[in-house]
Amino acid sequence: MKLLLLTIFGLFAISNAFENSDIVSARIETCRGCSLNRLPEVKRFVMDDAPKYERLEVKFISGAPPELVLLGEGDRELERLPLSQLSREECNKLVESRGFTQKSKDKEL
């Protein structure tokens, strides 16, 4: 019985390991060219929408597929989510579902 409870508790802990409250910031890693150019919806999200979010940066890495990297304390990687199959709207919804909000107009200037 104890082992069963420990197993259930362990599964619960793992499923909650990446709660939004653990997320401190995020980074989008992607190439600037070829693979991003083949994904016009994702490219518009990366270039136009992503810079408008608080605590979200874009990092261009040659040859990297577009991914959202969720970061915890000390830039510890919590989760890596591919963006290649998503629309622009889905990318925005994904970022917002992880607790990110757009910068106020004052901060954008």
N, C-alpha and C. Protein backbone atom coordinates (compact mmCIF):
# COMPACT_ATOMS: atom_id res chain seq x y z
N MET A 1 0.83 -1.20 0.00
CA MET A 1 0.00 0.00 0.00
C MET A 1 0.87 1.26 0.00
N LYS A 2 1.94 1.26 0.83
CA LYS A 2 2.84 2.41 0.88
C LYS A 2 3.48 2.66 -0.48
N LEU A 3 3.88 1.58 -1.13
CA LEU A 3 4.51 1.70 -2.44
C LEU A 3 3.54 2.29 -3.45
N LEU A 4 2.29 1.86 -3.39
CA LEU A 4 1.27 2.39 -4.29
C LEU A 4 1.07 3.89 -4.07
N LEU A 5 1.00 4.30 -2.81
CA LEU A 5 0.84 5.73 -2.50
C LEU A 5 2.04 6.54 -2.96
N LEU A 6 3.24 6.00 -2.76
CA LEU A 6 4.45 6.69 -3.22
C LEU A 6 4.47 6.82 -4.74
N THR A 7 4.02 5.77 -5.42
CA THR A 7 3.97 5.80 -6.88
C THR A 7 2.96 6.85 -7.36
N ILE A 8 1.80 6.87 -6.76
CA ILE A 8 0.78 7.86 -7.13
C ILE A 8 1.27 9.27 -6.84
N PHE A 9 1.90 9.46 -5.68
CA PHE A 9 2.44 10.77 -5.34
C PHE A 9 3.52 11.18 -6.33
N GLY A 10 4.37 10.23 -6.72
CA GLY A 10 5.43 10.52 -7.68
C GLY A 10 4.88 10.93 -9.02
N LEU A 11 3.84 10.23 -9.50
CA LEU A 11 3.22 10.60 -10.77
C LEU A 11 2.57 11.98 -10.69
N PHE A 12 1.93 12.27 -9.56
CA PHE A 12 1.32 13.59 -9.36
C PHE A 12 2.39 14.67 -9.38
N ALA A 13 3.50 14.43 -8.72
CA ALA A 13 4.59 15.41 -8.67
C ALA A 13 5.17 15.65 -10.05
N ILE A 14 5.34 14.58 -10.84
CA ILE A 14 5.87 14.72 -12.19
C ILE A 14 4.91 15.51 -13.06
N SER A 15 3.61 15.22 -12.96
CA SER A 15 2.64 15.91 -13.80
C SER A 15 2.56 17.40 -13.46
N ASN A 16 2.89 17.76 -12.24
CA ASN A 16 2.85 19.16 -11.83
C ASN A 16 4.21 19.84 -11.89
N ALA A 17 5.21 19.13 -12.36
CA ALA A 17 6.57 19.67 -12.37
C ALA A 17 6.69 20.92 -13.24
N PHE A 18 5.85 21.01 -14.26
CA PHE A 18 5.97 22.13 -15.19
C PHE A 18 4.78 23.07 -15.09
N GLU A 19 4.25 23.26 -13.91
CA GLU A 19 3.16 24.21 -13.74
C GLU A 19 3.60 25.59 -14.17
N ASN A 20 2.65 26.39 -14.59
CA ASN A 20 2.97 27.76 -15.02
C ASN A 20 3.68 28.54 -13.94
N SER A 21 3.42 28.23 -12.67
CA SER A 21 4.05 28.99 -11.59
C SER A 21 5.55 28.75 -11.54
N ASP A 22 6.04 27.65 -12.11
CA ASP A 22 7.47 27.36 -12.14
C ASP A 22 8.18 28.11 -13.27
N ILE A 23 7.42 28.59 -14.24
CA ILE A 23 7.99 29.24 -15.41
C ILE A 23 8.37 30.68 -15.06
N VAL A 24 9.64 30.99 -15.26
CA VAL A 24 10.14 32.34 -14.98
C VAL A 24 10.21 33.15 -16.27
N SER A 25 10.63 32.50 -17.35
CA SER A 25 10.75 33.17 -18.64
C SER A 25 10.72 32.11 -19.73
N ALA A 26 10.83 32.57 -20.97
CA ALA A 26 10.85 31.63 -22.09
C ALA A 26 11.68 32.23 -23.20
N ARG A 27 12.06 31.32 -24.08
CA ARG A 27 12.88 31.73 -25.23
C ARG A 27 12.37 30.94 -26.43
N ILE A 28 12.28 31.61 -27.56
CA ILE A 28 12.00 30.92 -28.81
C ILE A 28 13.33 30.75 -29.51
N GLU A 29 13.67 29.51 -29.78
CA GLU A 29 14.90 29.22 -30.52
C GLU A 29 14.49 28.80 -31.93
N THR A 30 15.10 29.42 -32.91
CA THR A 30 14.78 29.12 -34.31
C THR A 30 15.88 29.64 -35.21
N CYS A 31 15.95 29.08 -36.40
CA CYS A 31 16.87 29.65 -37.39
C CYS A 31 16.22 30.92 -37.93
N ARG A 32 16.99 31.73 -38.55
CA ARG A 32 16.46 32.97 -39.12
C ARG A 32 15.96 32.74 -40.54
N GLY A 33 16.44 31.69 -41.19
CA GLY A 33 16.18 31.53 -42.62
C GLY A 33 15.37 30.32 -43.01
N CYS A 34 16.05 29.35 -43.61
CA CYS A 34 15.40 28.27 -44.38
C CYS A 34 14.19 27.62 -43.73
N SER A 35 14.32 26.99 -42.59
CA SER A 35 13.15 26.29 -42.05
C SER A 35 12.06 27.28 -41.63
N LEU A 36 12.43 28.43 -41.15
CA LEU A 36 11.44 29.42 -40.75
C LEU A 36 10.73 30.00 -41.98
N ASN A 37 11.46 30.16 -43.08
CA ASN A 37 10.84 30.68 -44.31
C ASN A 37 9.81 29.71 -44.88
N ARG A 38 9.95 28.42 -44.57
CA ARG A 38 8.98 27.42 -45.05
C ARG A 38 7.74 27.37 -44.15
N LEU A 39 7.75 28.13 -43.07
CA LEU A 39 6.64 28.15 -42.11
C LEU A 39 6.15 29.59 -41.94
N PRO A 40 5.41 30.12 -42.91
CA PRO A 40 5.04 31.54 -42.88
C PRO A 40 4.23 31.95 -41.64
N GLU A 41 3.36 31.08 -41.15
CA GLU A 41 2.56 31.41 -39.96
C GLU A 41 3.47 31.53 -38.72
N VAL A 42 4.36 30.57 -38.57
CA VAL A 42 5.28 30.58 -37.43
C VAL A 42 6.23 31.77 -37.56
N LYS A 43 6.68 32.04 -38.78
CA LYS A 43 7.58 33.18 -38.99
C LYS A 43 6.92 34.49 -38.57
N ARG A 44 5.65 34.68 -38.93
CA ARG A 44 4.95 35.90 -38.53
C ARG A 44 4.83 35.98 -37.01
N PHE A 45 4.58 34.84 -36.36
CA PHE A 45 4.52 34.83 -34.90
C PHE A 45 5.88 35.22 -34.31
N VAL A 46 6.94 34.60 -34.79
CA VAL A 46 8.29 34.85 -34.25
C VAL A 46 8.71 36.30 -34.46
N MET A 47 8.48 36.81 -35.65
CA MET A 47 8.98 38.15 -35.99
C MET A 47 8.07 39.27 -35.49
N ASP A 48 6.77 39.07 -35.51
CA ASP A 48 5.84 40.15 -35.20
C ASP A 48 5.21 40.06 -33.80
N ASP A 49 4.85 38.85 -33.38
CA ASP A 49 4.10 38.71 -32.13
C ASP A 49 4.98 38.45 -30.91
N ALA A 50 5.93 37.55 -31.03
CA ALA A 50 6.75 37.16 -29.88
C ALA A 50 7.41 38.34 -29.17
N PRO A 51 7.95 39.33 -29.90
CA PRO A 51 8.59 40.46 -29.21
C PRO A 51 7.63 41.28 -28.35
N LYS A 52 6.35 41.08 -28.51
CA LYS A 52 5.36 41.85 -27.74
C LYS A 52 5.06 41.24 -26.37
N TYR A 53 5.62 40.07 -26.09
CA TYR A 53 5.34 39.39 -24.82
C TYR A 53 6.40 39.68 -23.77
N GLU A 54 5.93 39.84 -22.53
CA GLU A 54 6.82 39.99 -21.37
C GLU A 54 7.59 38.69 -21.17
N ARG A 55 8.82 38.76 -20.79
CA ARG A 55 9.65 37.62 -20.37
C ARG A 55 9.87 36.58 -21.46
N LEU A 56 9.69 36.98 -22.72
CA LEU A 56 9.87 36.07 -23.85
C LEU A 56 10.87 36.69 -24.81
N GLU A 57 11.94 35.95 -25.09
CA GLU A 57 12.94 36.44 -26.03
C GLU A 57 13.03 35.50 -27.22
N VAL A 58 13.56 36.00 -28.31
CA VAL A 58 13.78 35.19 -29.50
C VAL A 58 15.28 35.07 -29.70
N LYS A 59 15.74 33.84 -29.86
CA LYS A 59 17.17 33.58 -30.08
C LYS A 59 17.31 32.84 -31.41
N PHE A 60 18.06 33.44 -32.33
CA PHE A 60 18.26 32.84 -33.64
C PHE A 60 19.49 31.95 -33.61
N ILE A 61 19.28 30.67 -33.97
CA ILE A 61 20.34 29.67 -33.98
C ILE A 61 20.32 29.01 -35.35
N SER A 62 21.42 29.07 -36.05
CA SER A 62 21.51 28.52 -37.39
C SER A 62 21.06 27.06 -37.42
N GLY A 63 20.09 26.77 -38.30
CA GLY A 63 19.60 25.42 -38.50
C GLY A 63 18.62 24.90 -37.47
N ALA A 64 18.30 25.68 -36.44
CA ALA A 64 17.41 25.21 -35.38
C ALA A 64 15.94 25.27 -35.81
N PRO A 65 15.18 24.21 -35.54
CA PRO A 65 13.74 24.27 -35.81
C PRO A 65 13.09 25.18 -34.77
N PRO A 66 11.96 25.82 -35.09
CA PRO A 66 11.33 26.73 -34.13
C PRO A 66 10.75 25.98 -32.92
N GLU A 67 11.22 26.36 -31.73
CA GLU A 67 10.76 25.75 -30.49
C GLU A 67 10.59 26.81 -29.42
N LEU A 68 9.59 26.61 -28.57
CA LEU A 68 9.39 27.44 -27.39
C LEU A 68 10.06 26.71 -26.24
N VAL A 69 11.02 27.37 -25.59
CA VAL A 69 11.76 26.77 -24.48
C VAL A 69 11.31 27.48 -23.21
N LEU A 70 10.67 26.74 -22.31
CA LEU A 70 10.19 27.30 -21.05
C LEU A 70 11.29 27.17 -20.01
N LEU A 71 11.55 28.27 -19.30
CA LEU A 71 12.67 28.32 -18.37
C LEU A 71 12.22 28.60 -16.95
N GLY A 72 12.89 27.96 -16.00
CA GLY A 72 12.63 28.18 -14.59
C GLY A 72 13.74 29.01 -13.97
N GLU A 73 13.85 28.94 -12.66
CA GLU A 73 14.89 29.67 -11.93
C GLU A 73 16.27 29.31 -12.49
N GLY A 74 17.14 30.29 -12.59
CA GLY A 74 18.50 30.06 -13.07
C GLY A 74 18.57 29.60 -14.51
N ASP A 75 17.58 29.96 -15.31
CA ASP A 75 17.50 29.56 -16.72
C ASP A 75 17.48 28.05 -16.91
N ARG A 76 16.97 27.32 -15.92
CA ARG A 76 16.85 25.87 -16.00
C ARG A 76 15.74 25.54 -16.99
N GLU A 77 16.04 24.71 -17.98
CA GLU A 77 15.05 24.34 -18.99
C GLU A 77 14.00 23.42 -18.38
N LEU A 78 12.74 23.84 -18.48
CA LEU A 78 11.63 23.05 -17.96
C LEU A 78 10.97 22.20 -19.04
N GLU A 79 10.82 22.80 -20.20
CA GLU A 79 10.10 22.12 -21.27
C GLU A 79 10.46 22.76 -22.60
N ARG A 80 10.43 21.94 -23.66
CA ARG A 80 10.74 22.41 -25.01
C ARG A 80 9.57 21.99 -25.90
N LEU A 81 8.92 22.97 -26.51
CA LEU A 81 7.72 22.69 -27.31
C LEU A 81 7.93 23.10 -28.76
N PRO A 82 7.75 22.17 -29.70
CA PRO A 82 7.91 22.50 -31.12
C PRO A 82 6.78 23.41 -31.60
N LEU A 83 7.13 24.34 -32.48
CA LEU A 83 6.14 25.28 -33.03
C LEU A 83 5.84 25.01 -34.50
N SER A 84 6.60 24.13 -35.13
CA SER A 84 6.52 23.92 -36.58
C SER A 84 5.13 23.60 -37.11
N GLN A 85 4.34 22.87 -36.35
CA GLN A 85 3.04 22.43 -36.84
C GLN A 85 1.90 23.37 -36.44
N LEU A 86 2.23 24.49 -35.81
CA LEU A 86 1.19 25.39 -35.29
C LEU A 86 0.95 26.56 -36.22
N SER A 87 -0.25 27.12 -36.14
CA SER A 87 -0.56 28.36 -36.84
C SER A 87 -0.09 29.53 -35.98
N ARG A 88 -0.14 30.70 -36.55
CA ARG A 88 0.22 31.90 -35.79
C ARG A 88 -0.68 32.05 -34.56
N GLU A 89 -1.97 31.85 -34.75
CA GLU A 89 -2.92 31.96 -33.65
C GLU A 89 -2.63 30.91 -32.57
N GLU A 90 -2.32 29.69 -32.98
CA GLU A 90 -2.02 28.63 -32.02
C GLU A 90 -0.74 28.93 -31.23
N CYS A 91 0.24 29.52 -31.89
CA CYS A 91 1.48 29.91 -31.20
C CYS A 91 1.17 30.94 -30.11
N ASN A 92 0.36 31.93 -30.45
CA ASN A 92 -0.02 32.94 -29.47
C ASN A 92 -0.79 32.32 -28.31
N LYS A 93 -1.72 31.43 -28.62
CA LYS A 93 -2.50 30.77 -27.56
C LYS A 93 -1.60 29.92 -26.66
N LEU A 94 -0.62 29.26 -27.25
CA LEU A 94 0.30 28.44 -26.47
C LEU A 94 1.08 29.30 -25.48
N VAL A 95 1.63 30.40 -25.95
CA VAL A 95 2.40 31.30 -25.09
C VAL A 95 1.51 31.85 -23.97
N GLU A 96 0.32 32.26 -24.32
CA GLU A 96 -0.60 32.81 -23.32
C GLU A 96 -1.06 31.74 -22.34
N SER A 97 -1.23 30.51 -22.79
CA SER A 97 -1.64 29.43 -21.88
C SER A 97 -0.56 29.10 -20.86
N ARG A 98 0.67 29.49 -21.14
CA ARG A 98 1.77 29.26 -20.21
C ARG A 98 2.00 30.46 -19.29
N GLY A 99 1.08 31.43 -19.35
CA GLY A 99 1.12 32.54 -18.40
C GLY A 99 1.80 33.81 -18.89
N PHE A 100 2.12 33.88 -20.16
CA PHE A 100 2.78 35.08 -20.68
C PHE A 100 1.75 36.08 -21.16
N THR A 101 2.02 37.34 -20.88
CA THR A 101 1.12 38.42 -21.28
C THR A 101 1.88 39.39 -22.17
N GLN A 102 1.12 40.12 -22.98
CA GLN A 102 1.75 41.10 -23.84
C GLN A 102 2.15 42.32 -23.04
N LYS A 103 3.24 42.94 -23.50
CA LYS A 103 3.73 44.15 -22.86
C LYS A 103 2.70 45.25 -23.02
N SER A 104 2.67 46.15 -22.06
CA SER A 104 1.77 47.30 -22.19
C SER A 104 2.33 48.20 -23.30
N LYS A 105 1.45 49.03 -23.85
CA LYS A 105 1.87 49.93 -24.94
C LYS A 105 3.03 50.83 -24.51
N ASP A 106 3.06 51.24 -23.23
CA ASP A 106 4.12 52.11 -22.73
C ASP A 106 5.48 51.43 -22.80
N LYS A 107 5.52 50.13 -22.51
CA LYS A 107 6.79 49.40 -22.49
C LYS A 107 7.28 49.08 -23.91
N GLU A 108 6.38 49.06 -24.88
CA GLU A 108 6.77 48.76 -26.24
C GLU A 108 7.51 49.93 -26.88
N LEU A 109 7.26 51.14 -26.42
CA LEU A 109 7.87 52.32 -27.05
C LEU A 109 9.29 52.49 -26.72
